[in-house]
C-alpha atoms as a PDB file:
ATOM      1  CA  MET A   1      82.528-101.254 -45.372  1.00  0.00           C
ATOM      2  CA  LYS A   2      86.261-102.283 -45.137  1.00  0.00           C
ATOM      3  CA  LYS A   3      88.595 -99.347 -44.518  1.00  0.00           C
ATOM      4  CA  TYR A   4      92.254 -99.140 -44.987  1.00  0.00           C
ATOM      5  CA  VAL A   5      95.014 -96.297 -44.738  1.00  0.00           C
ATOM      6  CA  ILE A   6      98.358 -96.370 -46.359  1.00  0.00           C
ATOM      7  CA  ILE A   7     100.763 -94.301 -44.291  1.00  0.00           C
ATOM      8  CA  VAL A   8     103.828 -93.248 -46.196  1.00  0.00           C
ATOM      9  CA  ALA A   9     106.879 -92.474 -44.541  1.00  0.00           C
ATOM     10  CA  GLY A  10     109.981 -92.503 -46.907  1.00  0.00           C
ATOM     11  CA  GLY A  11     111.806 -89.143 -45.705  1.00  0.00           C
ATOM     12  CA  LYS A  12     115.335 -88.921 -45.155  1.00  0.00           C
ATOM     13  CA  GLY A  13     115.393 -85.910 -42.927  1.00  0.00           C
ATOM     14  CA  LEU A  14     117.596 -83.586 -45.199  1.00  0.00           C
ATOM     15  CA  ARG A  15     115.776 -80.425 -44.383  1.00  0.00           C
ATOM     16  CA  MET A  16     115.813 -81.436 -40.636  1.00  0.00           C
ATOM     17  CA  GLY A  17     119.798 -81.380 -41.126  1.00  0.00           C
ATOM     18  CA  SER A  18     119.618 -84.711 -39.374  1.00  0.00           C
ATOM     19  CA  ASP A  19     120.912 -88.216 -40.086  1.00  0.00           C
ATOM     20  CA  LEU A  20     117.771 -89.570 -38.640  1.00  0.00           C
ATOM     21  CA  PRO A  21     114.960 -89.608 -40.940  1.00  0.00           C
ATOM     22  CA  LYS A  22     112.388 -87.332 -39.940  1.00  0.00           C
ATOM     23  CA  GLN A  23     109.559 -89.596 -39.278  1.00  0.00           C
ATOM     24  CA  PHE A  24     111.771 -91.284 -36.521  1.00  0.00           C
ATOM     25  CA  LEU A  25     112.787 -88.047 -34.647  1.00  0.00           C
ATOM     26  CA  PRO A  26     111.442 -87.784 -31.083  1.00  0.00           C
ATOM     27  CA  MET A  27     108.560 -85.429 -30.484  1.00  0.00           C
ATOM     28  CA  GLY A  28     107.470 -85.630 -26.827  1.00  0.00           C
ATOM     29  CA  ASP A  29     107.688 -89.153 -25.574  1.00  0.00           C
ATOM     30  CA  LYS A  30     107.703 -90.964 -28.900  1.00  0.00           C
ATOM     31  CA  PRO A  31     108.853 -90.655 -32.626  1.00  0.00           C
ATOM     32  CA  VAL A  32     106.747 -88.774 -34.807  1.00  0.00           C
ATOM     33  CA  LEU A  33     105.454 -91.500 -36.847  1.00  0.00           C
ATOM     34  CA  MET A  34     104.099 -93.235 -33.674  1.00  0.00           C
ATOM     35  CA  HIS A  35     101.746 -90.309 -33.080  1.00  0.00           C
ATOM     36  CA  THR A  36     100.633 -90.557 -36.525  1.00  0.00           C
ATOM     37  CA  LEU A  37      99.603 -94.212 -36.350  1.00  0.00           C
ATOM     38  CA  LYS A  38      98.040 -93.719 -33.045  1.00  0.00           C
ATOM     39  CA  VAL A  39      95.400 -91.040 -34.270  1.00  0.00           C
ATOM     40  CA  PHE A  40      94.244 -93.284 -37.046  1.00  0.00           C
ATOM     41  CA  ARG A  41      93.605 -96.214 -34.331  1.00  0.00           C
ATOM     42  CA  ARG A  42      91.913 -93.738 -32.282  1.00  0.00           C
ATOM     43  CA  TYR A  43      89.655 -93.127 -35.430  1.00  0.00           C
ATOM     44  CA  ASP A  44      88.648 -96.739 -36.056  1.00  0.00           C
ATOM     45  CA  GLU A  45      89.906 -99.791 -34.078  1.00  0.00           C
ATOM     46  CA  THR A  46      89.106-101.890 -37.185  1.00  0.00           C
ATOM     47  CA  LEU A  47      91.098 -99.858 -39.673  1.00  0.00           C
ATOM     48  CA  GLN A  48      93.785-101.796 -41.425  1.00  0.00           C
ATOM     49  CA  ILE A  49      96.960 -99.518 -41.258  1.00  0.00           C
ATOM     50  CA  ILE A  50      99.641-100.273 -43.963  1.00  0.00           C
ATOM     51  CA  LEU A  51     102.988 -98.351 -43.149  1.00  0.00           C
ATOM     52  CA  VAL A  52     105.191 -97.906 -46.252  1.00  0.00           C
ATOM     53  CA  LEU A  53     108.847 -97.505 -45.326  1.00  0.00           C
ATOM     54  CA  PRO A  54     112.114 -98.017 -47.142  1.00  0.00           C
ATOM     55  CA  GLN A  55     113.563-101.503 -46.665  1.00  0.00           C
ATOM     56  CA  GLU A  56     116.634-100.220 -45.088  1.00  0.00           C
ATOM     57  CA  GLN A  57     114.534 -98.397 -42.419  1.00  0.00           C
ATOM     58  CA  GLN A  58     112.346-101.263 -41.352  1.00  0.00           C
ATOM     59  CA  SER A  59     114.480-103.000 -38.893  1.00  0.00           C
ATOM     60  CA  PHE A  60     115.322 -99.557 -37.127  1.00  0.00           C
ATOM     61  CA  TRP A  61     111.405 -99.021 -37.035  1.00  0.00           C
ATOM     62  CA  LYS A  62     110.891-102.506 -35.421  1.00  0.00           C
ATOM     63  CA  GLN A  63     113.615-101.708 -32.707  1.00  0.00           C
ATOM     64  CA  LEU A  64     111.912 -98.416 -32.055  1.00  0.00           C
ATOM     65  CA  CYS A  65     108.604-100.253 -31.627  1.00  0.00           C
ATOM     66  CA  ASP A  66     110.157-102.651 -29.155  1.00  0.00           C
ATOM     67  CA  LYS A  67     111.848 -99.667 -27.283  1.00  0.00           C
ATOM     68  CA  HIS A  68     108.619 -97.620 -26.671  1.00  0.00           C
ATOM     69  CA  HIS A  69     106.383-100.625 -26.300  1.00  0.00           C
ATOM     70  CA  PHE A  70     104.342 -99.609 -29.457  1.00  0.00           C
ATOM     71  CA  THR A  71     101.505-101.928 -30.085  1.00  0.00           C
ATOM     72  CA  VAL A  72      99.198-100.149 -32.804  1.00  0.00           C
ATOM     73  CA  LYS A  73      98.630-103.137 -35.063  1.00  0.00           C
ATOM     74  CA  HIS A  74      99.909-102.393 -38.739  1.00  0.00           C
ATOM     75  CA  VAL A  75     101.645-104.180 -41.647  1.00  0.00           C
ATOM     76  CA  LEU A  76     104.668-102.988 -43.557  1.00  0.00           C
ATOM     77  CA  ALA A  77     105.231-102.424 -47.025  1.00  0.00           C
ATOM     78  CA  GLU A  78     108.513-101.532 -49.011  1.00  0.00           C
ATOM     79  CA  GLY A  79     108.947 -97.936 -50.182  1.00  0.00           C
ATOM     80  CA  GLY A  80     109.357 -97.106 -53.713  1.00  0.00           C
ATOM     81  CA  GLU A  81     111.580 -94.858 -55.731  1.00  0.00           C
ATOM     82  CA  THR A  82     109.195 -92.034 -55.502  1.00  0.00           C
ATOM     83  CA  ARG A  83     106.131 -91.339 -53.323  1.00  0.00           C
ATOM     84  CA  PHE A  84     103.797 -92.573 -56.420  1.00  0.00           C
ATOM     85  CA  HIS A  85     105.681 -96.095 -56.260  1.00  0.00           C
ATOM     86  CA  SER A  86     105.490 -96.249 -52.411  1.00  0.00           C
ATOM     87  CA  VAL A  87     101.612 -95.757 -52.450  1.00  0.00           C
ATOM     88  CA  LYS A  88     101.410 -98.448 -55.194  1.00  0.00           C
ATOM     89  CA  ASN A  89     103.415-100.792 -53.026  1.00  0.00           C
ATOM     90  CA  GLY A  90     101.052 -99.999 -50.230  1.00  0.00           C
ATOM     91  CA  LEU A  91      98.011-100.581 -52.609  1.00  0.00           C
ATOM     92  CA  ALA A  92      99.221-104.158 -53.252  1.00  0.00           C
ATOM     93  CA  LEU A  93      98.400-105.190 -49.788  1.00  0.00           C
ATOM     94  CA  VAL A  94      94.830-103.854 -50.105  1.00  0.00           C
ATOM     95  CA  GLN A  95      92.811-106.995 -51.126  1.00  0.00           C
ATOM     96  CA  GLU A  96      89.131-106.163 -50.489  1.00  0.00           C
ATOM     97  CA  PRO A  97      86.745-103.459 -51.778  1.00  0.00           C
ATOM     98  CA  GLY A  98      86.157-100.554 -49.591  1.00  0.00           C
ATOM     99  CA  LEU A  99      87.778 -97.203 -48.938  1.00  0.00           C
ATOM    100  CA  VAL A 100      91.368 -96.548 -48.510  1.00  0.00           C
ATOM    101  CA  GLY A 101      93.051 -93.348 -47.317  1.00  0.00           C
ATOM    102  CA  VAL A 102      96.677 -92.196 -48.173  1.00  0.00           C
ATOM    103  CA  HIS A 103      98.421 -90.165 -45.395  1.00  0.00           C
ATOM    104  CA  ASP A 104     101.733 -88.566 -44.854  1.00  0.00           C
ATOM    105  CA  GLY A 105     103.600 -90.078 -42.045  1.00  0.00           C
ATOM    106  CA  VAL A 106     105.014 -86.918 -40.689  1.00  0.00           C
ATOM    107  CA  ARG A 107     101.395 -85.313 -40.383  1.00  0.00           C
ATOM    108  CA  PRO A 108     100.673 -86.503 -36.685  1.00  0.00           C
ATOM    109  CA  PHE A 109      98.101 -83.766 -36.070  1.00  0.00           C
ATOM    110  CA  VAL A 110      95.488 -84.530 -38.253  1.00  0.00           C
ATOM    111  CA  SER A 111      92.110 -84.650 -36.342  1.00  0.00           C
ATOM    112  CA  VAL A 112      89.959 -87.669 -35.786  1.00  0.00           C
ATOM    113  CA  GLU A 113      87.158 -85.462 -37.069  1.00  0.00           C
ATOM    114  CA  VAL A 114      88.932 -84.672 -40.211  1.00  0.00           C
ATOM    115  CA  ILE A 115      89.709 -88.258 -40.779  1.00  0.00           C
ATOM    116  CA  ARG A 116      85.963 -89.264 -40.201  1.00  0.00           C
ATOM    117  CA  ARG A 117      84.847 -86.533 -42.323  1.00  0.00           C
ATOM    118  CA  CYS A 118      86.979 -87.743 -45.297  1.00  0.00           C
ATOM    119  CA  TYR A 119      86.289 -91.354 -45.073  1.00  0.00           C
ATOM    120  CA  GLU A 120      82.352 -90.601 -44.844  1.00  0.00           C
ATOM    121  CA  LEU A 121      82.311 -88.086 -47.720  1.00  0.00           C
ATOM    122  CA  ALA A 122      84.373 -90.857 -49.822  1.00  0.00           C
ATOM    123  CA  GLU A 123      81.469 -93.329 -49.151  1.00  0.00           C
ATOM    124  CA  VAL A 124      79.509 -91.233 -51.691  1.00  0.00           C
ATOM    125  CA  GLN A 125      82.134 -89.119 -53.679  1.00  0.00           C
ATOM    126  CA  LYS A 126      84.666 -91.640 -54.181  1.00  0.00           C
ATOM    127  CA  ALA A 127      87.638 -89.318 -53.999  1.00  0.00           C
ATOM    128  CA  VAL A 128      87.989 -86.804 -51.160  1.00  0.00           C
ATOM    129  CA  ILE A 129      90.880 -84.478 -49.935  1.00  0.00           C
ATOM    130  CA  PRO A 130      91.058 -82.285 -47.016  1.00  0.00           C
ATOM    131  CA  VAL A 131      91.870 -78.526 -47.560  1.00  0.00           C
ATOM    132  CA  VAL A 132      92.335 -75.378 -45.604  1.00  0.00           C
ATOM    133  CA  ASP A 133      92.172 -71.850 -46.568  1.00  0.00           C
ATOM    134  CA  VAL A 134      95.142 -69.779 -47.845  1.00  0.00           C
ATOM    135  CA  VAL A 135      95.766 -67.080 -45.131  1.00  0.00           C
ATOM    136  CA  GLU A 136      98.825 -65.590 -46.725  1.00  0.00           C
ATOM    137  CA  THR A 137      98.747 -63.154 -49.757  1.00  0.00           C
ATOM    138  CA  LEU A 138      99.953 -65.036 -52.856  1.00  0.00           C
ATOM    139  CA  ARG A 139     102.051 -63.956 -55.690  1.00  0.00           C
ATOM    140  CA  HIS A 140     102.236 -65.547 -59.170  1.00  0.00           C
ATOM    141  CA  LEU A 141     105.560 -65.567 -61.048  1.00  0.00           C
ATOM    142  CA  THR A 142     105.514 -64.298 -64.319  1.00  0.00           C
ATOM    143  CA  ASP A 143     108.044 -63.455 -67.295  1.00  0.00           C
ATOM    144  CA  ALA A 144     107.855 -59.808 -66.094  1.00  0.00           C
ATOM    145  CA  GLY A 145     108.417 -60.352 -62.382  1.00  0.00           C
ATOM    146  CA  SER A 146     105.288 -61.364 -60.165  1.00  0.00           C
ATOM    147  CA  GLU A 147     101.744 -60.307 -59.550  1.00  0.00           C
ATOM    148  CA  THR A 148      99.302 -60.645 -56.774  1.00  0.00           C
ATOM    149  CA  VAL A 149      96.570 -63.277 -57.336  1.00  0.00           C
ATOM    150  CA  SER A 150      93.323 -63.818 -55.263  1.00  0.00           C
ATOM    151  CA  ARG A 151      93.905 -66.435 -52.346  1.00  0.00           C
ATOM    152  CA  MET A 152      90.175 -66.985 -52.453  1.00  0.00           C
ATOM    153  CA  ASP A 153      90.857 -69.017 -55.568  1.00  0.00           C
ATOM    154  CA  TYR A 154      93.263 -71.478 -53.885  1.00  0.00           C
ATOM    155  CA  LYS A 155      93.279 -74.029 -51.152  1.00  0.00           C
ATOM    156  CA  LEU A 156      96.190 -75.748 -49.186  1.00  0.00           C
ATOM    157  CA  VAL A 157      95.866 -79.675 -49.600  1.00  0.00           C
ATOM    158  CA  GLN A 158      96.311 -81.952 -46.714  1.00  0.00           C
ATOM    159  CA  THR A 159      96.015 -85.532 -46.235  1.00  0.00           C
ATOM    160  CA  PRO A 160      94.498 -88.219 -45.686  1.00  0.00           C
ATOM    161  CA  GLN A 161      93.285 -88.487 -49.096  1.00  0.00           C
ATOM    162  CA  VAL A 162      90.502 -91.014 -49.232  1.00  0.00           C
ATOM    163  CA  PHE A 163      89.322 -92.947 -51.967  1.00  0.00           C
ATOM    164  CA  ASP A 164      87.204 -95.865 -53.430  1.00  0.00           C
ATOM    165  CA  VAL A 165      89.570 -98.960 -53.456  1.00  0.00           C
ATOM    166  CA  GLU A 166      89.025 -99.702 -57.007  1.00  0.00           C
ATOM    167  CA  LEU A 167      89.146 -96.329 -58.303  1.00  0.00           C
ATOM    168  CA  LEU A 168      92.484 -95.710 -56.667  1.00  0.00           C
ATOM    169  CA  LYS A 169      93.861 -98.992 -57.895  1.00  0.00           C
ATOM    170  CA  GLN A 170      92.782 -98.164 -61.458  1.00  0.00           C
ATOM    171  CA  ALA A 171      94.487 -94.736 -60.929  1.00  0.00           C
ATOM    172  CA  TYR A 172      97.921 -96.276 -59.984  1.00  0.00           C
ATOM    173  CA  ALA A 173      97.793 -98.557 -62.982  1.00  0.00           C
ATOM    174  CA  GLN A 174      98.891 -95.552 -64.985  1.00  0.00           C
ATOM    175  CA  GLU A 175     102.221 -94.826 -65.918  1.00  0.00           C
ATOM    176  CA  PHE A 176     104.162 -92.589 -63.440  1.00  0.00           C
ATOM    177  CA  THR A 177     104.760 -88.878 -64.407  1.00  0.00           C
ATOM    178  CA  PRO A 178     106.466 -86.126 -62.437  1.00  0.00           C
ATOM    179  CA  PHE A 179     103.178 -84.254 -62.237  1.00  0.00           C
ATOM    180  CA  PHE A 180     101.930 -86.837 -59.814  1.00  0.00           C
ATOM    181  CA  THR A 181     102.651 -84.955 -56.667  1.00  0.00           C
ATOM    182  CA  ASP A 182      99.846 -86.524 -54.512  1.00  0.00           C
ATOM    183  CA  ASP A 183      97.085 -89.095 -54.836  1.00  0.00           C
ATOM    184  CA  ALA A 184      94.619 -86.552 -56.146  1.00  0.00           C
ATOM    185  CA  SER A 185      96.650 -85.634 -59.142  1.00  0.00           C
ATOM    186  CA  VAL A 186      96.808 -89.407 -60.071  1.00  0.00           C
ATOM    187  CA  VAL A 187      93.306 -89.869 -59.848  1.00  0.00           C
ATOM    188  CA  GLU A 188      92.470 -86.596 -61.806  1.00  0.00           C
ATOM    189  CA  ALA A 189      94.789 -87.692 -64.521  1.00  0.00           C
ATOM    190  CA  MET A 190      91.886 -90.206 -65.327  1.00  0.00           C
ATOM    191  CA  GLY A 191      89.420 -87.377 -65.603  1.00  0.00           C
ATOM    192  CA  MET A 192      87.835 -88.239 -62.215  1.00  0.00           C
ATOM    193  CA  PRO A 193      86.423 -85.307 -60.154  1.00  0.00           C
ATOM    194  CA  VAL A 194      88.111 -84.740 -56.530  1.00  0.00           C
ATOM    195  CA  TYR A 195      85.876 -83.412 -53.626  1.00  0.00           C
ATOM    196  CA  LEU A 196      87.086 -81.089 -50.994  1.00  0.00           C
ATOM    197  CA  ALA A 197      86.613 -81.538 -47.299  1.00  0.00           C
ATOM    198  CA  GLU A 198      87.473 -79.151 -44.625  1.00  0.00           C
ATOM    199  CA  GLY A 199      90.777 -79.845 -42.980  1.00  0.00           C
ATOM    200  CA  ASN A 200      92.250 -78.656 -39.592  1.00  0.00           C
ATOM    201  CA  ARG A 201      95.013 -75.992 -39.389  1.00  0.00           C
ATOM    202  CA  GLU A 202      96.908 -78.069 -36.937  1.00  0.00           C
ATOM    203  CA  ASN A 203      97.663 -80.884 -39.543  1.00  0.00           C
ATOM    204  CA  ILE A 204     101.161 -79.638 -40.411  1.00  0.00           C
ATOM    205  CA  LYS A 205     103.725 -81.789 -42.216  1.00  0.00           C
ATOM    206  CA  ILE A 206     106.873 -81.965 -40.028  1.00  0.00           C
ATOM    207  CA  THR A 207     109.664 -81.393 -42.350  1.00  0.00           C
ATOM    208  CA  THR A 208     111.907 -78.775 -40.730  1.00  0.00           C
ATOM    209  CA  PRO A 209     113.304 -78.043 -37.209  1.00  0.00           C
ATOM    210  CA  PHE A 210     110.868 -75.376 -36.898  1.00  0.00           C
ATOM    211  CA  ASP A 211     107.875 -77.755 -37.536  1.00  0.00           C
ATOM    212  CA  LEU A 212     109.086 -79.991 -34.934  1.00  0.00           C
ATOM    213  CA  LYS A 213     109.136 -77.084 -32.297  1.00  0.00           C
ATOM    214  CA  VAL A 214     105.654 -76.419 -33.339  1.00  0.00           C
ATOM    215  CA  GLY A 215     104.529 -80.005 -33.115  1.00  0.00           C
ATOM    216  CA  SER A 216     106.207 -80.389 -29.536  1.00  0.00           C
ATOM    217  CA  ALA A 217     104.164 -77.093 -28.475  1.00  0.00           C
ATOM    218  CA  LEU A 218     101.097 -78.749 -30.060  1.00  0.00           C
ATOM    219  CA  LEU A 219     101.493 -81.760 -27.907  1.00  0.00           C
END
């Protein structure tokens, strides 16, 4: 079965307090984004990697690849106005039936086991997302203030979110709404169920200076 992954990397680094977009910040010996692409190549040498970057960042990315002798094969798609539009642009390069994952470019610590689990389950269930347990106490904001809610009723969502290609293409043919915060929400808007797979706790999203320190430690 043909397999793809769309890696979305459109961040501007605002929460990092940096002029350099967060996906390009150095972590260890190379930029964050290169670590992300490498883990997907480790999962499957035949996986087609589609990297979605804003047009104005693509030449800089190519310079980084030359500088770091980065040879993981991938194709580029142009980033859109929102994450929804970026994923849709990436999907336009998916030409054959099969499975397609969508992953955040600044999640370099997803495990190969989680990637494999999501793709294998998606062969049967068509729509799969990795999740982890909530370990903090949760409070729900109300008109009267706030109240504790059971953390057993919630999960934290990660990526890659993996889908049947035709299903995801059909989902992204819908009109955009602000409710679409991830790919699962787009698929669910069609009335399709989304299945949960066990994620890995280390699969953090690098968005703040603290995250970058944690990521450097994880390396």
